[in-house]
PDB file of N, CA and C in Angstrom:
ATOM      1  N   UNK A   1      42.516-147.322 121.700  1.00  0.00           N
ATOM      2  CA  UNK A   1      41.133-146.488 121.694  1.00  0.00           C
ATOM      3  C   UNK A   1      41.023-145.700 122.910  1.00  0.00           C
ATOM      4  N   UNK A   2      41.595-145.954 123.942  1.00  0.00           N
ATOM      5  CA  UNK A   2      41.620-145.154 125.266  1.00  0.00           C
ATOM      6  C   UNK A   2      42.243-143.695 124.948  1.00  0.00           C
ATOM      7  N   UNK A   3      43.304-143.882 124.309  1.00  0.00           N
ATOM      8  CA  UNK A   3      44.163-142.641 124.050  1.00  0.00           C
ATOM      9  C   UNK A   3      43.283-141.799 122.894  1.00  0.00           C
ATOM     10  N   UNK A   4      42.681-142.428 121.987  1.00  0.00           N
ATOM     11  CA  UNK A   4      41.898-141.637 120.859  1.00  0.00           C
ATOM     12  C   UNK A   4      40.659-140.993 121.575  1.00  0.00           C
ATOM     13  N   UNK A   5      40.010-141.732 122.351  1.00  0.00           N
ATOM     14  CA  UNK A   5      38.791-141.081 123.097  1.00  0.00           C
ATOM     15  C   UNK A   5      39.312-140.037 124.034  1.00  0.00           C
ATOM     16  N   UNK A   6      40.374-140.332 124.722  1.00  0.00           N
ATOM     17  CA  UNK A   6      40.796-139.219 125.828  1.00  0.00           C
ATOM     18  C   UNK A   6      41.200-138.218 125.048  1.00  0.00           C
ATOM     19  N   UNK A   7      42.033-138.070 123.926  1.00  0.00           N
ATOM     20  CA  UNK A   7      42.404-137.005 123.004  1.00  0.00           C
ATOM     21  C   UNK A   7      41.152-136.385 122.457  1.00  0.00           C
ATOM     22  N   UNK A   8      40.012-137.007 121.997  1.00  0.00           N
ATOM     23  CA  UNK A   8      38.934-136.363 121.449  1.00  0.00           C
ATOM     24  C   UNK A   8      38.295-135.623 122.572  1.00  0.00           C
ATOM     25  N   UNK A   9      38.055-136.130 123.791  1.00  0.00           N
ATOM     26  CA  UNK A   9      37.460-135.464 124.899  1.00  0.00           C
ATOM     27  C   UNK A   9      38.219-134.134 125.090  1.00  0.00           C
ATOM     28  N   UNK A  10      39.580-134.491 125.469  1.00  0.00           N
ATOM     29  CA  UNK A  10      40.375-133.236 125.728  1.00  0.00           C
ATOM     30  C   UNK A  10      40.240-132.008 124.697  1.00  0.00           C
ATOM     31  N   UNK A  11      40.397-132.511 123.461  1.00  0.00           N
ATOM     32  CA  UNK A  11      40.333-131.541 122.134  1.00  0.00           C
ATOM     33  C   UNK A  11      38.910-130.862 122.170  1.00  0.00           C
ATOM     34  N   UNK A  12      37.703-131.507 122.584  1.00  0.00           N
ATOM     35  CA  UNK A  12      36.420-130.997 122.616  1.00  0.00           C
ATOM     36  C   UNK A  12      36.118-129.884 123.578  1.00  0.00           C
ATOM     37  N   UNK A  13      36.820-129.908 124.816  1.00  0.00           N
ATOM     38  CA  UNK A  13      36.877-128.927 125.701  1.00  0.00           C
ATOM     39  C   UNK A  13      37.031-127.375 125.052  1.00  0.00           C
ATOM     40  N   UNK A  14      36.042-126.583 125.236  1.00  0.00           N
ATOM     41  CA  UNK A  14      36.362-125.178 124.660  1.00  0.00           C
ATOM     42  C   UNK A  14      37.401-124.612 125.094  1.00  0.00           C
ATOM     43  N   UNK A  15      37.677-124.815 126.590  1.00  0.00           N
ATOM     44  CA  UNK A  15      38.986-124.138 127.272  1.00  0.00           C
ATOM     45  C   UNK A  15      40.332-124.518 126.693  1.00  0.00           C
ATOM     46  N   UNK A  16      40.317-125.608 125.983  1.00  0.00           N
ATOM     47  CA  UNK A  16      41.429-126.149 125.197  1.00  0.00           C
ATOM     48  C   UNK A  16      41.713-125.716 123.985  1.00  0.00           C
ATOM     49  N   UNK A  17      40.719-125.115 123.384  1.00  0.00           N
ATOM     50  CA  UNK A  17      40.806-124.684 121.918  1.00  0.00           C
ATOM     51  C   UNK A  17      42.058-123.999 121.435  1.00  0.00           C
ATOM     52  N   UNK A  18      42.409-122.983 122.286  1.00  0.00           N
ATOM     53  CA  UNK A  18      43.680-122.401 121.800  1.00  0.00           C
ATOM     54  C   UNK A  18      44.964-123.094 121.845  1.00  0.00           C
ATOM     55  N   UNK A  19      45.004-124.029 123.138  1.00  0.00           N
ATOM     56  CA  UNK A  19      45.971-125.017 123.162  1.00  0.00           C
ATOM     57  C   UNK A  19      46.236-125.957 121.987  1.00  0.00           C
ATOM     58  N   UNK A  20      45.044-126.518 121.787  1.00  0.00           N
ATOM     59  CA  UNK A  20      44.965-127.399 120.347  1.00  0.00           C
ATOM     60  C   UNK A  20      45.440-126.707 119.311  1.00  0.00           C
ATOM     61  N   UNK A  21      45.114-125.341 119.038  1.00  0.00           N
ATOM     62  CA  UNK A  21      45.438-124.798 117.673  1.00  0.00           C
ATOM     63  C   UNK A  21      46.879-124.588 117.793  1.00  0.00           C
ATOM     64  N   UNK A  22      47.697-124.110 119.034  1.00  0.00           N
ATOM     65  CA  UNK A  22      49.000-123.830 119.216  1.00  0.00           C
ATOM     66  C   UNK A  22      49.714-125.259 118.811  1.00  0.00           C
ATOM     67  N   UNK A  23      49.281-126.373 119.396  1.00  0.00           N
ATOM     68  CA  UNK A  23      49.822-127.802 119.046  1.00  0.00           C
ATOM     69  C   UNK A  23      49.793-127.990 117.761  1.00  0.00           C
ATOM     70  N   UNK A  24      48.713-127.906 116.944  1.00  0.00           N
ATOM     71  CA  UNK A  24      48.656-128.019 115.697  1.00  0.00           C
ATOM     72  C   UNK A  24      49.507-127.158 114.830  1.00  0.00           C
ATOM     73  N   UNK A  25      49.766-126.031 115.236  1.00  0.00           N
ATOM     74  CA  UNK A  25      50.653-124.994 114.522  1.00  0.00           C
ATOM     75  C   UNK A  25      52.239-125.446 114.476  1.00  0.00           C
ATOM     76  N   UNK A  26      52.379-126.165 115.479  1.00  0.00           N
ATOM     77  CA  UNK A  26      53.849-126.746 115.522  1.00  0.00           C
ATOM     78  C   UNK A  26      54.059-127.585 114.224  1.00  0.00           C
ATOM     79  N   UNK A  27      53.199-127.961 113.434  1.00  0.00           N
ATOM     80  CA  UNK A  27      53.205-128.813 112.145  1.00  0.00           C
ATOM     81  C   UNK A  27      53.787-127.891 110.990  1.00  0.00           C
ATOM     82  N   UNK A  28      53.772-126.436 111.353  1.00  0.00           N
ATOM     83  CA  UNK A  28      54.191-125.682 110.306  1.00  0.00           C
ATOM     84  C   UNK A  28      53.231-124.798 109.650  1.00  0.00           C
ATOM     85  N   UNK A  29      51.985-125.148 109.925  1.00  0.00           N
ATOM     86  CA  UNK A  29      50.773-124.535 109.389  1.00  0.00           C
ATOM     87  C   UNK A  29      50.566-122.913 110.460  1.00  0.00           C
ATOM     88  N   UNK A  30      50.519-121.992 109.942  1.00  0.00           N
ATOM     89  CA  UNK A  30      50.371-120.736 110.902  1.00  0.00           C
ATOM     90  C   UNK A  30      49.145-120.926 111.571  1.00  0.00           C
ATOM     91  N   UNK A  31      49.017-120.419 112.982  1.00  0.00           N
ATOM     92  CA  UNK A  31      48.169-120.459 113.747  1.00  0.00           C
ATOM     93  C   UNK A  31      46.808-119.795 113.251  1.00  0.00           C
ATOM     94  N   UNK A  32      47.148-118.564 112.599  1.00  0.00           N
ATOM     95  CA  UNK A  32      46.073-117.657 112.128  1.00  0.00           C
ATOM     96  C   UNK A  32      45.038-118.593 110.913  1.00  0.00           C
ATOM     97  N   UNK A  33      45.807-119.264 110.180  1.00  0.00           N
ATOM     98  CA  UNK A  33      45.240-120.344 108.970  1.00  0.00           C
ATOM     99  C   UNK A  33      44.239-121.206 109.846  1.00  0.00           C
ATOM    100  N   UNK A  34      44.949-121.985 110.918  1.00  0.00           N
ATOM    101  CA  UNK A  34      44.121-122.907 111.679  1.00  0.00           C
ATOM    102  C   UNK A  34      43.020-122.391 112.373  1.00  0.00           C
ATOM    103  N   UNK A  35      43.208-121.146 112.812  1.00  0.00           N
ATOM    104  CA  UNK A  35      41.830-120.488 113.386  1.00  0.00           C
ATOM    105  C   UNK A  35      40.962-119.976 112.458  1.00  0.00           C
ATOM    106  N   UNK A  36      41.446-119.650 111.167  1.00  0.00           N
ATOM    107  CA  UNK A  36      40.394-119.323 110.156  1.00  0.00           C
ATOM    108  C   UNK A  36      39.770-120.609 109.681  1.00  0.00           C
ATOM    109  N   UNK A  37      40.335-121.619 109.303  1.00  0.00           N
ATOM    110  CA  UNK A  37      39.894-122.862 109.149  1.00  0.00           C
ATOM    111  C   UNK A  37      38.764-123.476 109.932  1.00  0.00           C
ATOM    112  N   UNK A  38      39.028-123.199 111.376  1.00  0.00           N
ATOM    113  CA  UNK A  38      38.148-123.891 112.430  1.00  0.00           C
ATOM    114  C   UNK A  38      36.951-122.996 112.837  1.00  0.00           C
ATOM    115  N   UNK A  39      37.165-121.721 112.259  1.00  0.00           N
ATOM    116  CA  UNK A  39      36.011-120.705 112.954  1.00  0.00           C
ATOM    117  C   UNK A  39      34.619-121.105 112.612  1.00  0.00           C
ATOM    118  N   UNK A  40      34.005-121.027 113.758  1.00  0.00           N
ATOM    119  CA  UNK A  40      32.592-121.482 113.573  1.00  0.00           C
ATOM    120  C   UNK A  40      32.228-123.030 113.959  1.00  0.00           C
ATOM    121  N   UNK A  41      33.387-123.700 113.872  1.00  0.00           N
ATOM    122  CA  UNK A  41      33.183-125.175 113.987  1.00  0.00           C
ATOM    123  C   UNK A  41      33.239-125.602 115.410  1.00  0.00           C
ATOM    124  N   UNK A  42      32.503-126.612 115.755  1.00  0.00           N
ATOM    125  CA  UNK A  42      32.487-127.208 117.054  1.00  0.00           C
ATOM    126  C   UNK A  42      33.365-128.223 117.063  1.00  0.00           C
ATOM    127  N   UNK A  43      34.486-128.032 117.957  1.00  0.00           N
ATOM    128  CA  UNK A  43      35.504-129.146 118.081  1.00  0.00           C
ATOM    129  C   UNK A  43      34.734-130.439 118.671  1.00  0.00           C
ATOM    130  N   UNK A  44      33.844-130.100 119.449  1.00  0.00           N
ATOM    131  CA  UNK A  44      33.084-131.587 120.089  1.00  0.00           C
ATOM    132  C   UNK A  44      32.490-132.230 118.970  1.00  0.00           C
ATOM    133  N   UNK A  45      31.839-131.479 117.958  1.00  0.00           N
ATOM    134  CA  UNK A  45      31.194-132.299 116.865  1.00  0.00           C
ATOM    135  C   UNK A  45      32.188-132.665 115.783  1.00  0.00           C
ATOM    136  N   UNK A  46      33.141-131.915 115.523  1.00  0.00           N
ATOM    137  CA  UNK A  46      34.109-132.083 114.353  1.00  0.00           C
ATOM    138  C   UNK A  46      35.083-133.316 114.747  1.00  0.00           C
ATOM    139  N   UNK A  47      35.407-133.448 116.021  1.00  0.00           N
ATOM    140  CA  UNK A  47      36.517-134.423 116.307  1.00  0.00           C
ATOM    141  C   UNK A  47      35.829-135.481 117.238  1.00  0.00           C
ATOM    142  N   UNK A  48      34.492-135.759 117.204  1.00  0.00           N
ATOM    143  CA  UNK A  48      33.959-136.678 117.756  1.00  0.00           C
ATOM    144  C   UNK A  48      34.462-138.078 117.465  1.00  0.00           C
ATOM    145  N   UNK A  49      34.902-139.141 118.346  1.00  0.00           N
ATOM    146  CA  UNK A  49      35.344-140.394 118.021  1.00  0.00           C
ATOM    147  C   UNK A  49      34.134-141.294 117.746  1.00  0.00           C
ATOM    148  N   UNK A  50      32.895-140.825 117.756  1.00  0.00           N
ATOM    149  CA  UNK A  50      31.769-141.773 117.358  1.00  0.00           C
ATOM    150  C   UNK A  50      31.825-142.207 115.927  1.00  0.00           C
ATOM    151  N   UNK A  51      31.454-143.491 115.752  1.00  0.00           N
ATOM    152  CA  UNK A  51      31.312-143.976 114.297  1.00  0.00           C
ATOM    153  C   UNK A  51      29.657-143.826 114.010  1.00  0.00           C
ATOM    154  N   UNK A  52      29.162-142.856 113.966  1.00  0.00           N
ATOM    155  CA  UNK A  52      27.764-142.733 113.748  1.00  0.00           C
ATOM    156  C   UNK A  52      27.510-142.879 112.355  1.00  0.00           C
ATOM    157  N   UNK A  53      26.099-142.712 111.919  1.00  0.00           N
ATOM    158  CA  UNK A  53      25.678-142.638 110.568  1.00  0.00           C
ATOM    159  C   UNK A  53      26.452-141.668 109.561  1.00  0.00           C
ATOM    160  N   UNK A  54      26.636-140.281 110.182  1.00  0.00           N
ATOM    161  CA  UNK A  54      27.290-139.453 109.467  1.00  0.00           C
ATOM    162  C   UNK A  54      28.842-139.883 108.819  1.00  0.00           C
ATOM    163  N   UNK A  55      29.382-140.384 109.934  1.00  0.00           N
ATOM    164  CA  UNK A  55      30.719-140.846 109.676  1.00  0.00           C
ATOM    165  C   UNK A  55      30.744-142.006 108.548  1.00  0.00           C
ATOM    166  N   UNK A  56      29.911-142.980 108.812  1.00  0.00           N
ATOM    167  CA  UNK A  56      29.928-144.252 107.950  1.00  0.00           C
ATOM    168  C   UNK A  56      29.358-143.651 106.238  1.00  0.00           C
ATOM    169  N   UNK A  57      28.479-142.708 106.348  1.00  0.00           N
ATOM    170  CA  UNK A  57      28.249-142.187 105.092  1.00  0.00           C
ATOM    171  C   UNK A  57      29.398-141.374 104.494  1.00  0.00           C
ATOM    172  N   UNK A  58      30.003-140.434 105.156  1.00  0.00           N
ATOM    173  CA  UNK A  58      31.329-139.717 104.677  1.00  0.00           C
ATOM    174  C   UNK A  58      32.250-140.727 104.207  1.00  0.00           C
ATOM    175  N   UNK A  59      32.542-142.027 104.676  1.00  0.00           N
ATOM    176  CA  UNK A  59      33.454-142.739 104.189  1.00  0.00           C
ATOM    177  C   UNK A  59      32.719-143.355 102.890  1.00  0.00           C
ATOM    178  N   UNK A  60      31.577-143.593 102.824  1.00  0.00           N
ATOM    179  CA  UNK A  60      30.975-144.231 101.452  1.00  0.00           C
ATOM    180  C   UNK A  60      31.180-143.202 100.688  1.00  0.00           C
ATOM    181  N   UNK A  61      31.017-141.987 100.740  1.00  0.00           N
ATOM    182  CA  UNK A  61      30.980-141.106  99.711  1.00  0.00           C
ATOM    183  C   UNK A  61      32.619-140.897  99.241  1.00  0.00           C
ATOM    184  N   UNK A  62      33.543-141.053 100.218  1.00  0.00           N
ATOM    185  CA  UNK A  62      34.776-140.819  99.830  1.00  0.00           C
ATOM    186  C   UNK A  62      35.277-142.045  99.036  1.00  0.00           C
ATOM    187  N   UNK A  63      34.685-143.155  99.323  1.00  0.00           N
ATOM    188  CA  UNK A  63      35.003-144.404  98.455  1.00  0.00           C
ATOM    189  C   UNK A  63      34.452-144.327  97.116  1.00  0.00           C
ATOM    190  N   UNK A  64      33.341-143.732  96.947  1.00  0.00           N
ATOM    191  CA  UNK A  64      32.658-143.459  95.751  1.00  0.00           C
ATOM    192  C   UNK A  64      33.454-142.529  94.747  1.00  0.00           C
ATOM    193  N   UNK A  65      33.882-141.407  95.511  1.00  0.00           N
ATOM    194  CA  UNK A  65      34.701-140.335  94.767  1.00  0.00           C
ATOM    195  C   UNK A  65      36.165-141.053  94.338  1.00  0.00           C
ATOM    196  N   UNK A  66      36.600-141.657  95.236  1.00  0.00           N
ATOM    197  CA  UNK A  66      37.778-142.398  94.753  1.00  0.00           C
ATOM    198  C   UNK A  66      37.667-143.309  93.705  1.00  0.00           C
ATOM    199  N   UNK A  67      36.525-144.011  93.501  1.00  0.00           N
ATOM    200  CA  UNK A  67      36.454-144.881  92.471  1.00  0.00           C
ATOM    201  C   UNK A  67      36.292-144.048  91.150  1.00  0.00           C
ATOM    202  N   UNK A  68      35.567-142.926  91.182  1.00  0.00           N
ATOM    203  CA  UNK A  68      35.290-141.977  90.183  1.00  0.00           C
ATOM    204  C   UNK A  68      36.490-141.371  89.570  1.00  0.00           C
ATOM    205  N   UNK A  69      37.519-141.158  90.466  1.00  0.00           N
ATOM    206  CA  UNK A  69      38.820-140.639  90.241  1.00  0.00           C
ATOM    207  C   UNK A  69      39.724-141.817  89.755  1.00  0.00           C
ATOM    208  N   UNK A  70      39.461-143.017  89.863  1.00  0.00           N
ATOM    209  CA  UNK A  70      40.212-144.064  89.516  1.00  0.00           C
ATOM    210  C   UNK A  70      41.481-144.407  90.284  1.00  0.00           C
ATOM    211  N   UNK A  71      41.359-144.173  91.722  1.00  0.00           N
ATOM    212  CA  UNK A  71      42.361-144.338  92.527  1.00  0.00           C
ATOM    213  C   UNK A  71      42.361-145.566  93.116  1.00  0.00           C
ATOM    214  N   UNK A  72      41.491-146.455  93.200  1.00  0.00           N
ATOM    215  CA  UNK A  72      41.237-147.652  94.009  1.00  0.00           C
ATOM    216  C   UNK A  72      42.546-148.564  93.846  1.00  0.00           C
ATOM    217  N   UNK A  73      43.336-148.415  92.695  1.00  0.00           N
ATOM    218  CA  UNK A  73      44.635-149.343  92.677  1.00  0.00           C
ATOM    219  C   UNK A  73      45.846-148.679  93.255  1.00  0.00           C
ATOM    220  N   UNK A  74      45.634-147.424  93.722  1.00  0.00           N
ATOM    221  CA  UNK A  74      46.714-146.734  94.336  1.00  0.00           C
ATOM    222  C   UNK A  74      47.225-147.292  95.763  1.00  0.00           C
ATOM    223  N   UNK A  75      46.317-147.908  96.265  1.00  0.00           N
ATOM    224  CA  UNK A  75      46.665-148.407  97.686  1.00  0.00           C
ATOM    225  C   UNK A  75      46.026-149.990  97.665  1.00  0.00           C
ATOM    226  N   UNK A  76      47.025-150.643  98.223  1.00  0.00           N
ATOM    227  CA  UNK A  76      46.710-152.264  98.276  1.00  0.00           C
ATOM    228  C   UNK A  76      45.821-152.537  99.669  1.00  0.00           C
ATOM    229  N   UNK A  77      44.881-153.103  99.549  1.00  0.00           N
ATOM    230  CA  UNK A  77      44.006-153.593 100.472  1.00  0.00           C
ATOM    231  C   UNK A  77      44.803-154.509 101.334  1.00  0.00           C
ATOM    232  N   UNK A  78      44.614-154.511 102.732  1.00  0.00           N
ATOM    233  CA  UNK A  78      45.164-155.398 103.694  1.00  0.00           C
ATOM    234  C   UNK A  78      43.853-156.215 104.527  1.00  0.00           C
ATOM    235  N   UNK A  79      44.305-157.553 104.892  1.00  0.00           N
ATOM    236  CA  UNK A  79      43.368-158.355 105.615  1.00  0.00           C
ATOM    237  C   UNK A  79      43.495-158.079 107.122  1.00  0.00           C
ATOM    238  N   UNK A  80      42.557-158.695 107.957  1.00  0.00           N
ATOM    239  CA  UNK A  80      42.780-158.299 109.359  1.00  0.00           C
ATOM    240  C   UNK A  80      44.008-158.731 109.933  1.00  0.00           C
ATOM    241  N   UNK A  81      44.780-159.527 109.108  1.00  0.00           N
ATOM    242  CA  UNK A  81      46.064-159.834 109.982  1.00  0.00           C
ATOM    243  C   UNK A  81      47.131-158.932 109.348  1.00  0.00           C
ATOM    244  N   UNK A  82      46.976-157.815 108.805  1.00  0.00           N
ATOM    245  CA  UNK A  82      47.914-156.863 108.349  1.00  0.00           C
ATOM    246  C   UNK A  82      48.686-157.492 107.202  1.00  0.00           C
ATOM    247  N   UNK A  83      48.042-158.421 106.319  1.00  0.00           N
ATOM    248  CA  UNK A  83      48.746-158.869 105.058  1.00  0.00           C
ATOM    249  C   UNK A  83      48.074-158.426 103.929  1.00  0.00           C
ATOM    250  N   UNK A  84      49.008-157.955 102.856  1.00  0.00           N
ATOM    251  CA  UNK A  84      48.372-157.444 101.647  1.00  0.00           C
ATOM    252  C   UNK A  84      47.315-158.709 100.902  1.00  0.00           C
ATOM    253  N   UNK A  85      46.328-158.011 100.401  1.00  0.00           N
ATOM    254  CA  UNK A  85      45.500-159.011  99.802  1.00  0.00           C
ATOM    255  C   UNK A  85      45.800-158.956  98.254  1.00  0.00           C
ATOM    256  N   UNK A  86      46.056-159.979  97.749  1.00  0.00           N
ATOM    257  CA  UNK A  86      46.571-160.229  96.392  1.00  0.00           C
ATOM    258  C   UNK A  86      45.265-160.528  95.461  1.00  0.00           C
ATOM    259  N   UNK A  87      45.181-159.653  94.461  1.00  0.00           N
ATOM    260  CA  UNK A  87      44.141-159.702  93.458  1.00  0.00           C
ATOM    261  C   UNK A  87      44.525-159.810  92.152  1.00  0.00           C
TER     262      UNK A  87
END
């Protein structure tokens, strides 16, 4: 968690924006495309590590959309001990 929150804090700093984009561009996506995708976006808001109501609702919506697409059987669920749950 310390690394996740630290990375989110560093990424959120406006002074680091170009460095963040340059790091992401190393994955093969042109930096111009990354800039266009992130244009007008607040990195502080977009990459917040907070598990707030918006975050939870987005996951609920994603789960519902996955159910509608019939994808629920594509991935096996795991328990807290990292063991597959047999259904």
